[in-house]
Amino acid sequence: MPETTPSRSARRDQLLERAYGYALEHGVADLSLRPLAAAVESSPRVLLFLFGTKAGLVQALLARAREDELELLARVRATSEGGDLATVAAELWGWLAAEEHRTLLTLWVEGYARSLIDPEGPWAGFARATVTDWLQVLADAQPPRARDSADAGIERTLLLAVLRGGVLDLLATGDHERITSAVEAQLVHLQRARDGGA
């Protein structure tokens, strides 16, 4: 009879944080338990006991990455007064473009891509949840009276596409100046459109 997997424990939380640091550096697609266990000062058997399966561990790592994402979005939401989508988007881009977040963004992109390639695997739902999270914070930055309109939905979808495309380009090339200039140009265009094309 299989052992029951603990839902939460201090040891599990500790190893998850260590494993998360490892995943940020090495990714999760080709995760191998033996080197991971050595890196986090544990054993494959303990990891399997605490997380159930390798897939369970991958799910826990992606959930941990999403916690960082949600923390960012919560901070932006808390400082946004609503109705200023361009300012919120600029703040988001500043965080996304920061050098210290490259490893986390690479892990997000990996989880996003894997959830499309293997929709039944441990990555299931990761891409959809990410899109939903980001669209919601952008919606919160739009004027309440307009955010349910078709135009507002198009506006935030386009902006999310610009931010995500910028991230992918930045991770691929590292060309911060060029990509930031392009994102900022789009935000200026957005603000002008909101101001009536002035």
Protein backbone atom coordinates (compact mmCIF):
# COMPACT_ATOMS: atom_id res chain seq x y z
CA MET A 1 0.00 0.00 0.00
CA PRO A 2 1.53 3.39 -0.99
CA GLU A 3 2.54 5.86 1.67
CA THR A 4 0.29 8.85 2.16
CA THR A 5 1.82 12.03 0.81
CA PRO A 6 1.94 14.81 3.42
CA SER A 7 0.07 17.88 2.19
CA ARG A 8 2.26 20.37 4.05
CA SER A 9 5.11 20.12 6.51
CA ALA A 10 8.07 22.26 7.52
CA ARG A 11 10.42 19.79 5.83
CA ARG A 12 8.37 19.77 2.63
CA ASP A 13 8.29 23.58 2.54
CA GLN A 14 12.03 23.75 3.13
CA LEU A 15 12.82 21.28 0.36
CA LEU A 16 10.36 22.97 -1.99
CA GLU A 17 12.17 26.29 -1.56
CA ARG A 18 15.51 24.63 -2.23
CA ALA A 19 14.11 22.73 -5.21
CA TYR A 20 12.59 25.95 -6.52
CA GLY A 21 16.01 27.60 -6.47
CA TYR A 22 17.37 24.62 -8.39
CA ALA A 23 14.50 24.77 -10.91
CA LEU A 24 15.10 28.48 -11.52
CA GLU A 25 18.63 27.62 -12.59
CA HIS A 26 18.04 24.30 -14.36
CA GLY A 27 14.39 24.32 -15.45
CA VAL A 28 11.82 21.59 -14.94
CA ALA A 29 11.27 19.94 -18.35
CA ASP A 30 14.15 17.48 -17.96
CA LEU A 31 14.12 17.38 -14.18
CA SER A 32 15.99 14.39 -12.79
CA LEU A 33 15.40 13.45 -9.17
CA ARG A 34 18.90 12.25 -8.33
CA PRO A 35 20.83 15.48 -9.08
CA LEU A 36 17.98 17.55 -7.66
CA ALA A 37 18.01 15.54 -4.44
CA ALA A 38 21.77 15.98 -4.13
CA ALA A 39 21.46 19.73 -4.73
CA VAL A 40 18.80 20.15 -2.03
CA GLU A 41 20.59 17.82 0.42
CA SER A 42 17.92 15.16 0.40
CA SER A 43 17.25 11.88 -1.40
CA PRO A 44 14.97 10.83 -4.26
CA ARG A 45 13.03 8.62 -1.83
CA VAL A 46 12.30 11.55 0.52
CA LEU A 47 11.26 13.78 -2.39
CA LEU A 48 8.89 11.11 -3.67
CA PHE A 49 7.45 10.65 -0.20
CA LEU A 50 6.88 14.38 0.26
CA PHE A 51 5.57 15.13 -3.25
CA GLY A 52 4.08 11.78 -4.23
CA THR A 53 5.56 11.55 -7.71
CA LYS A 54 7.98 13.42 -9.94
CA ALA A 55 4.92 14.99 -11.61
CA GLY A 56 3.69 16.07 -8.19
CA LEU A 57 7.02 17.75 -7.54
CA VAL A 58 6.89 19.56 -10.90
CA GLN A 59 3.36 20.74 -10.09
CA ALA A 60 4.55 22.03 -6.72
CA LEU A 61 7.43 23.90 -8.39
CA LEU A 62 5.14 25.53 -10.94
CA ALA A 63 2.69 26.44 -8.19
CA ARG A 64 5.61 28.05 -6.34
CA ALA A 65 6.55 30.00 -9.47
CA ARG A 66 2.95 31.14 -9.77
CA GLU A 67 3.10 32.39 -6.17
CA ASP A 68 5.87 34.78 -7.25
CA GLU A 69 3.78 35.86 -10.22
CA LEU A 70 0.70 36.48 -8.07
CA GLU A 71 2.77 38.39 -5.52
CA LEU A 72 3.94 40.73 -8.27
CA LEU A 73 0.41 41.20 -9.58
CA ALA A 74 -0.95 41.80 -6.07
CA ARG A 75 1.67 44.52 -5.49
CA VAL A 76 0.76 46.20 -8.75
CA ARG A 77 -2.96 45.95 -7.97
CA ALA A 78 -2.42 47.45 -4.50
CA THR A 79 -0.60 50.48 -5.87
CA SER A 80 -2.90 51.04 -8.83
CA GLU A 81 -5.81 53.40 -8.41
CA GLY A 82 -7.53 52.08 -11.53
CA GLY A 83 -8.13 53.80 -14.82
CA ASP A 84 -4.45 54.16 -15.70
CA LEU A 85 -3.59 51.08 -17.73
CA ALA A 86 -0.47 52.57 -19.28
CA THR A 87 1.09 53.33 -15.87
CA VAL A 88 0.31 49.84 -14.58
CA ALA A 89 1.74 48.27 -17.73
CA ALA A 90 4.91 50.37 -17.38
CA GLU A 91 5.31 49.13 -13.81
CA LEU A 92 4.79 45.54 -14.93
CA TRP A 93 7.34 45.93 -17.70
CA GLY A 94 9.88 47.42 -15.31
CA TRP A 95 9.63 44.26 -13.21
CA LEU A 96 9.63 41.91 -16.20
CA ALA A 97 12.66 43.58 -17.77
CA ALA A 98 14.79 43.53 -14.60
CA GLU A 99 17.86 41.33 -14.95
CA GLU A 100 17.29 39.63 -11.58
CA HIS A 101 14.01 38.15 -12.81
CA ARG A 102 15.37 36.41 -15.93
CA THR A 103 15.57 32.95 -14.37
CA LEU A 104 12.02 33.17 -13.05
CA LEU A 105 10.72 34.34 -16.41
CA THR A 106 12.54 31.51 -18.15
CA LEU A 107 10.82 29.06 -15.81
CA TRP A 108 7.44 30.70 -16.52
CA VAL A 109 8.01 30.42 -20.27
CA GLU A 110 9.05 26.80 -19.89
CA GLY A 111 5.95 25.98 -17.84
CA TYR A 112 3.78 27.92 -20.29
CA ALA A 113 5.16 26.06 -23.30
CA ARG A 114 5.04 22.65 -21.63
CA SER A 115 1.41 23.16 -20.64
CA LEU A 116 0.60 23.62 -24.34
CA ILE A 117 2.68 20.66 -25.50
CA ASP A 118 1.54 18.29 -22.75
CA PRO A 119 -1.88 19.54 -21.62
CA GLU A 120 -2.54 16.41 -19.56
CA GLY A 121 0.82 16.44 -17.75
CA PRO A 122 1.98 18.15 -14.57
CA TRP A 123 2.01 21.47 -16.41
CA ALA A 124 -1.73 21.24 -17.17
CA GLY A 125 -3.52 24.58 -16.92
CA PHE A 126 -0.39 26.63 -16.22
CA ALA A 127 -0.61 28.73 -19.42
CA ARG A 128 -4.34 29.39 -19.08
CA ALA A 129 -3.99 30.37 -15.41
CA THR A 130 -1.17 32.76 -16.27
CA VAL A 131 -3.21 34.47 -18.98
CA THR A 132 -6.18 34.79 -16.64
CA ASP A 133 -4.03 36.24 -13.84
CA TRP A 134 -2.48 38.90 -16.07
CA LEU A 135 -5.69 39.87 -17.83
CA GLN A 136 -7.33 40.37 -14.44
CA VAL A 137 -4.67 42.77 -13.15
CA LEU A 138 -4.87 44.71 -16.42
CA ALA A 139 -8.67 44.80 -16.16
CA ASP A 140 -8.36 46.16 -12.62
CA ALA A 141 -6.29 49.04 -14.04
CA GLN A 142 -9.04 50.04 -16.44
CA PRO A 143 -11.87 52.41 -15.48
CA PRO A 144 -14.60 50.37 -13.75
CA ARG A 145 -17.32 51.78 -15.98
CA ALA A 146 -15.54 50.59 -19.14
CA ARG A 147 -13.70 47.38 -18.24
CA ASP A 148 -16.54 45.05 -19.26
CA SER A 149 -16.78 46.50 -22.76
CA ALA A 150 -15.50 44.68 -25.84
CA ASP A 151 -13.02 47.51 -26.51
CA ALA A 152 -11.56 47.21 -23.00
CA GLY A 153 -11.12 43.45 -23.48
CA ILE A 154 -9.32 44.05 -26.76
CA GLU A 155 -7.15 46.74 -25.17
CA ARG A 156 -5.88 44.54 -22.34
CA THR A 157 -5.46 41.52 -24.63
CA LEU A 158 -3.30 43.58 -26.98
CA LEU A 159 -1.29 44.95 -24.08
CA LEU A 160 -0.73 41.49 -22.64
CA ALA A 161 0.47 40.34 -26.06
CA VAL A 162 2.95 43.24 -26.16
CA LEU A 163 4.27 42.45 -22.67
CA ARG A 164 4.55 38.72 -23.33
CA GLY A 165 6.17 39.26 -26.72
CA GLY A 166 8.62 41.66 -25.13
CA VAL A 167 9.52 39.09 -22.49
CA LEU A 168 10.12 36.37 -25.08
CA ASP A 169 12.27 38.71 -27.18
CA LEU A 170 14.21 39.88 -24.12
CA LEU A 171 14.92 36.33 -22.97
CA ALA A 172 16.05 35.38 -26.48
CA THR A 173 18.26 38.38 -27.20
CA GLY A 174 18.93 40.29 -23.99
CA ASP A 175 18.43 43.50 -25.98
CA HIS A 176 16.87 45.49 -23.14
CA GLU A 177 17.14 48.93 -24.76
CA ARG A 178 15.49 48.02 -28.05
CA ILE A 179 12.65 46.04 -26.52
CA THR A 180 11.95 48.53 -23.74
CA SER A 181 11.80 51.32 -26.33
CA ALA A 182 9.23 49.32 -28.30
CA VAL A 183 7.12 48.57 -25.21
CA GLU A 184 7.26 52.22 -24.12
CA ALA A 185 6.22 53.33 -27.62
CA GLN A 186 3.18 51.09 -27.40
CA LEU A 187 2.31 52.53 -24.00
CA VAL A 188 2.56 56.07 -25.37
CA HIS A 189 0.24 55.04 -28.20
CA LEU A 190 -2.17 53.57 -25.66
CA GLN A 191 -2.15 56.73 -23.57
CA ARG A 192 -2.70 58.95 -26.62
CA ALA A 193 -5.62 56.80 -27.71
CA ARG A 194 -7.10 57.13 -24.22
CA ASP A 195 -6.59 60.90 -24.32
CA GLY A 196 -8.49 61.15 -27.58
CA GLY A 197 -5.63 60.91 -30.03
CA ALA A 198 -3.96 64.14 -28.96
